[in-house]
Amino acid sequence: AIAVFVGQKFDPRGGDDGTPLRRTPWGEIAWQLAGKEGFRLMEQMDKEGVSPGGDTIGKLFKLVNGPVLILVDELLNFVSRHRKDGLSGQLYNFIQNLTEEARAADRVVVVASIPASELEMTAEDQADYTRFKKMLDRLGKAVIMAEESETSEIIRRRLFEWDPRAISQDGRVILNQDAVATCKEYADWVVQHRQQIPNWFADHAKEAFEATYPFHPMVLSVFERKWQELPRFQQTRGVLRLLALWVSHAYQQGFKGAQKDPLISLGSAPLEDSQFRSAVFEQLGESRLEGAMTTDITGKKESHAVRLDQEAEETLKKAQIHKKAATVIFFESNGGQTKCAATIPEIRLGVAEPDFDLGNVETALEALTDACYYLSVERNHYKFGLKENLNKRFADRRASVKAEDAEKLVLEEIQKVFPATDCVERVFFPDKSGQVSDRPALTFVVMGPDQAFQDNPGSLRKIDAMTKEYGTSSRTYKSALIWVVPESAQTMQDEARKLMAWTDIEAEGLNLDDEQERQLKENIKKANRDLRESVWRSYNKVLLLGQDNAIKTMDLGLVTSSAADTVCKYILNQLRQTDDIVKDVSPRTLVKNWPPAFVEWSTKSVRDAFFASPQFPRLLNPETIRDAISRGVADGQLAYVGKSAKGGYSPFYFKKALSSVDIEISDDMFIIKAEEAEKHIKPPALTRIVISPAEVQIQPGKKQTFTAKGLDQHGRDFEAGKIEWNATGGTITKDGVFHAGTD
């Protein structure tokens, strides 16, 4: 015989349906257990509202003459409603007498449910609750209706329809082959990555997935590990309410053609659904989290996690990695009274699935940390809360940074990134060609952000003109110029705004906690680093004069500060690899590129050629010309000479050691080739006689004086000795006076 009394539902019943009128719980229970005969025992007490004693209750049990089960629920609701009419006190007496008689009888069980939550009780409710609980604790024994290990089975049996043939004898679901395969695949992944997920989960992973299918174990475990500590959370009942909404949403989305996941995972919780969010906040007892959730996670198009997914590359966008990670953090960091944060291993387990690259989790967390306003991070523990973090203040400050201030900071940072470098001159941000010196020295011309390639299509024409012009005249040393131009200025300006925003926050002198102070220092440090890196990445275009006398462009690609000590050194290394810049030059190079019109080549012209003509590689250090000449003289490829006032060469160095410091770079000192030098080391000899005038026309009978002069092999005057003259067509004296005849 079974009787059920539910306090929130019971009102006087019967009397007009052929059944007797039952006004009290004891009248109703007697009627349910033994019908008219049972009610007759209680009829007078039911009418008067007086609780029956143990003898009457004992007679009722004997009348039934069999096993009795009485279920009593929501006692406090009935007590609260009848406190003024005295019936609540009589109910206490009835329950006490009922349980006393049940304890003494065979085959009689009374099950009474006392609510665990005390959140909404008045002082009177609390007093009655205490009285009933003490009485029942004394007379009965507490029973947990569902062990934790059974919770998952209860949940999936309550939420889903299962084929009765798929239920085992102990009441557990028997999964089909597809479900078992899915669980095995997830379990294998867990074992493979056991060092990167919570250590409490790795053991018996396959059994854990099979026990909670189609839910991921993390979905149910977060409620057991953390949410059960919430005063409002009634464990299985609370879980069922949330999961029912969750499953409904997943089913509808799947029906509409949305992507279907192998399991219902923690990261897929439909927080974008307002009804689901409300249910979550109801359990948490904290509706103020609505603002934090819709700002940072989901619920709006501009929610930070949603936006980050939209901006991510296709793989991460499809996986919704930012939204899932943020959702896992929310569930793991809200609800626990002691463990109120999400660890990276917990986030990995809540987000990842087979064939998922775990490195993407850290990438997503980094982006969320930088973007979210209500996400706090402390020693790799993540938490969503009500308190705004520094990102919100940062966003406000960044929006107020003036463009001209950001541009000024960018220009300062560029000059830091291009420091003074040996053998290289620098010119920053020229607008006119006259601002770039015309000297035989390697010069880096760093164009300003306003001349960025993407932002200013005319910058190439401007560079071409400034290369060939120097003020109002032509530029001599065109090849000395190395132009460095940014591809775009936007990134540098954005990073400058960030740095200025963080430094402004620091200057405000806010009352920050230790974690915020640490975060602020780290953000300033990171912003400084990011600004510097943005300059490295932006200045990736190098322009210089090619051998065809036209500007050629070298794309450096993606460059970071780890590539070299400075941008200048990195560019020099790249140009040396292409032989556009050389550290030194060989004597053979000088001989090979000798100007055809020169017998003697001045040392100054030699040096200038390396900075004026694109046919020559650019010299990193002009002084290496001295070394080349020195080596050329020593090994007999060149001679180093000066011109004497009397003609000839003085000094004259050839095939002898000559220190480079003794070589003068000037218009008065020259180099000559080896074959020319050889001529000047043989003894002088008469090799030619020059007669002047060499040709003349005269009339018959007229006279013409001729002179003769001797020259040596170098074209210098040489004593010719005695000159003898003879002629035809007339007579000539021994002094060279010719008298024309008549023929």
Foldseek 3Di string as FASTA:
>chain_A
DEAEAEQQPDAFDDPPPPADTFHAPCLRRLCVQQNPVSNVLCVVCRVVLAADALVSLLVSVVNSVAAYEYEYEDLLNNLVVCVVVCSNVRVLNNVLSNLVNQLVDPRYYYHYDQDPFPPPDDPVSVVVSVSSVVSCVVRHPDDDPADPLCLLQVQVVVQDDDDPVQADPVGGGNDDPLQLVQLVQQLVVCCVPVVQADVVQNPPSSVQSVSNPLARNLLLVLCVVFQVPQSQQPRSVLSNVLVNVQVVVLVVCVVVPADHDSHHFQLSRPCLDPVSVVSVCSSLVHPLCVVQCVQDAHNDCNHQLNVVLVPDPDVSVSLSLLNSLVSQQASNQGRHPVRRWAASNSSLSRRDGPPDDSVVNVVSVVSSVLAGQQWADDPRTIHGDNDGACNVLLVVQLVPDDLVVLLVVLQVLLDVQVDDDPQEAEAEADPALQSPDQDLTQYEYEHGQCLACVNHVCNQVRLLVSLQDHVPHGRQQSQSYKYWHFNHCVQLSSLSSSLVSLVVVVVVPDPDDPSSVVVSVVSNVVSVQSNNQVSQQGRQWIWGQAQVRGIDIDGNHGGGCVQDVHSVVNVVVVCVVVQLEDAADALVVCVVPPDPVDQWAALQNVLSCLRRHNVHRHHSHSLNSLVRQQVCQQVQQKWKFFADPLGDTPPIGHNHGDDSVPDDRDRGITMGGNVVSVLVVDDWDFDDKDKPPPDDDDAAQDKDAIDIFTATPVRHTDDPPQDADADPQFGADSRRITGGHND
